[in-house]
Amino acid sequence: MGANLKLELVLLPVSDVDRAKAFYTEQVGFGLDVDTTPTEGLRVVQMTPPGSACSVTIGTGLTDAEAGSYRGTHLVVTDLEAARAELVGRGVDVSEIRHMTPQGWADGVDPSHTDYNSFADFRDPDGNSWVLQEVGHRADR
């Protein structure tokens, strides 16, 4: 395909827009780009993860997807242990870190910090799930 296809926006179905907005901006650390009600019955709240070119939008009148049905979007971080600690410190319930081995899942970050191999998960108040994934870790920092 010759055309560029850039992922720019993901719609998250939530039941309480203000609660979700507070979770994503105050606890997870997303930047608030827009909170507008252009017409009655339509509210658009757009937020962007730090360093991301793709934003998420929550609101009313945007999607008929069931609140909490969104699953598994990956947020890439260079230091999974630090990112997890920061989120936990902000009150986010993040799973323990795990990594894949030839024998299956093992606890903790991959000792070699192999890209795309260490993970942790969290959910928003509605149950929409996110995966933290380590990519680009440098042991010489």
Protein backbone atom coordinates (compact mmCIF):
# COMPACT_ATOMS: atom_id res chain seq x y z
CA MET A 1 0.00 0.00 0.00
CA GLY A 2 1.44 3.36 -0.99
CA ALA A 3 -0.59 5.57 1.35
CA ASN A 4 0.55 6.30 4.88
CA LEU A 5 -1.91 5.05 7.49
CA LYS A 6 -1.24 6.78 10.78
CA LEU A 7 -3.19 5.71 13.83
CA GLU A 8 -4.30 8.96 15.43
CA LEU A 9 -7.29 8.31 17.67
CA VAL A 10 -8.82 5.42 19.61
CA LEU A 11 -12.33 5.62 21.09
CA LEU A 12 -12.69 4.20 24.59
CA PRO A 13 -16.19 3.28 25.77
CA VAL A 14 -16.76 4.46 29.35
CA SER A 15 -19.80 4.77 31.59
CA ASP A 16 -18.78 7.91 33.50
CA VAL A 17 -16.87 10.46 31.43
CA ASP A 18 -15.70 12.61 34.36
CA ARG A 19 -14.47 9.59 36.34
CA ALA A 20 -12.59 8.24 33.31
CA LYS A 21 -11.15 11.67 32.50
CA ALA A 22 -9.81 11.99 36.06
CA PHE A 23 -8.34 8.47 35.92
CA TYR A 24 -6.52 9.02 32.63
CA THR A 25 -5.30 12.57 33.31
CA GLU A 26 -4.63 12.50 37.07
CA GLN A 27 -3.57 8.89 37.62
CA VAL A 28 -2.21 7.61 34.31
CA GLY A 29 -0.76 10.99 33.28
CA PHE A 30 -2.35 11.52 29.87
CA GLY A 31 -2.45 15.13 28.70
CA LEU A 32 -5.89 16.67 28.22
CA ASP A 33 -6.23 17.97 24.65
CA VAL A 34 -9.95 18.71 24.36
CA ASP A 35 -13.05 18.62 26.53
CA THR A 36 -15.92 20.01 24.53
CA THR A 37 -19.65 19.62 24.05
CA PRO A 38 -20.19 20.79 20.46
CA THR A 39 -23.88 19.83 20.44
CA GLU A 40 -26.38 18.52 22.97
CA GLY A 41 -25.79 14.83 23.65
CA LEU A 42 -22.24 14.89 22.31
CA ARG A 43 -19.21 15.33 24.57
CA VAL A 44 -15.67 14.79 23.31
CA VAL A 45 -12.76 14.41 25.73
CA GLN A 46 -9.47 13.77 23.93
CA MET A 47 -6.32 12.85 25.86
CA THR A 48 -2.83 11.88 24.72
CA PRO A 49 -0.33 9.63 26.49
CA PRO A 50 3.01 11.41 27.08
CA GLY A 51 5.21 11.04 23.98
CA SER A 52 2.48 9.45 21.86
CA ALA A 53 1.29 10.45 18.41
CA CYS A 54 -2.01 8.65 19.05
CA SER A 55 -4.71 9.97 21.35
CA VAL A 56 -7.72 8.43 23.06
CA THR A 57 -11.18 9.90 23.17
CA ILE A 58 -13.94 9.28 25.67
CA GLY A 59 -17.28 10.98 25.83
CA THR A 60 -20.96 10.68 25.14
CA GLY A 61 -22.62 10.13 21.80
CA LEU A 62 -19.42 8.74 20.27
CA THR A 63 -19.74 4.97 20.22
CA ASP A 64 -22.25 2.24 20.91
CA ALA A 65 -19.54 -0.08 22.26
CA GLU A 66 -20.16 -1.36 25.77
CA ALA A 67 -18.28 0.47 28.52
CA GLY A 68 -15.23 -1.54 29.52
CA SER A 69 -15.14 -3.62 26.34
CA TYR A 70 -11.88 -2.19 24.98
CA ARG A 71 -8.97 -4.60 25.42
CA GLY A 72 -5.21 -4.81 25.20
CA THR A 73 -3.93 -1.59 23.70
CA HIS A 74 -0.18 -1.45 24.27
CA LEU A 75 1.58 1.53 25.79
CA VAL A 76 5.28 1.22 24.98
CA VAL A 77 7.78 2.27 27.65
CA THR A 78 11.58 2.16 27.75
CA ASP A 79 11.77 1.21 31.43
CA LEU A 80 8.90 -1.00 32.50
CA GLU A 81 9.90 -1.17 36.15
CA ALA A 82 10.03 2.63 36.43
CA ALA A 83 6.77 3.10 34.50
CA ARG A 84 4.98 0.55 36.67
CA ALA A 85 6.32 2.14 39.86
CA GLU A 86 5.17 5.59 38.73
CA LEU A 87 1.66 4.37 37.91
CA VAL A 88 1.37 2.43 41.16
CA GLY A 89 2.51 5.57 42.98
CA ARG A 90 -0.36 7.45 41.30
CA GLY A 91 -2.85 4.86 42.55
CA VAL A 92 -3.20 2.73 39.40
CA ASP A 93 -3.63 -1.01 40.06
CA VAL A 94 -0.93 -2.43 37.78
CA SER A 95 -0.24 -6.16 37.56
CA GLU A 96 3.12 -7.60 38.42
CA ILE A 97 5.66 -7.56 35.59
CA ARG A 98 6.09 -10.73 33.55
CA HIS A 99 8.15 -11.80 30.57
CA MET A 100 8.08 -14.65 28.08
CA THR A 101 10.65 -17.46 28.13
CA PRO A 102 10.90 -20.61 25.99
CA GLN A 103 9.18 -22.40 28.90
CA GLY A 104 6.34 -19.84 29.13
CA TRP A 105 5.67 -16.81 31.35
CA ALA A 106 8.14 -15.91 34.10
CA ASP A 107 7.95 -13.28 36.83
CA GLY A 108 9.74 -9.96 36.48
CA VAL A 109 11.24 -8.04 33.63
CA ASP A 110 13.24 -9.95 31.02
CA PRO A 111 16.80 -9.94 32.44
CA SER A 112 18.14 -9.14 28.94
CA HIS A 113 15.50 -6.43 28.41
CA THR A 114 14.66 -7.94 25.04
CA ASP A 115 12.31 -5.62 23.13
CA TYR A 116 8.64 -6.60 23.12
CA ASN A 117 9.13 -9.26 25.81
CA SER A 118 8.22 -7.71 29.20
CA PHE A 119 4.68 -6.72 30.14
CA ALA A 120 2.37 -5.45 32.87
CA ASP A 121 -1.36 -4.66 32.68
CA PHE A 122 -3.90 -2.29 34.16
CA ARG A 123 -7.57 -1.46 33.71
CA ASP A 124 -9.51 1.78 33.86
CA PRO A 125 -12.51 2.12 36.21
CA ASP A 126 -14.81 0.55 33.57
CA GLY A 127 -12.50 -2.40 32.86
CA ASN A 128 -10.94 -1.23 29.59
CA SER A 129 -7.53 -2.92 29.62
CA TRP A 130 -4.06 -1.65 28.77
CA VAL A 131 -0.73 -3.42 28.41
CA LEU A 132 2.59 -1.80 29.27
CA GLN A 133 5.33 -3.21 27.05
CA GLU A 134 9.07 -2.55 27.32
CA VAL A 135 10.86 -1.52 24.12
CA GLY A 136 14.19 0.26 23.71
CA HIS A 137 15.57 -0.25 27.24
CA ARG A 138 19.25 0.60 27.52
CA ALA A 139 21.20 -0.99 30.34
CA ASP A 140 23.93 1.66 30.00
CA ARG A 141 21.81 4.58 31.17
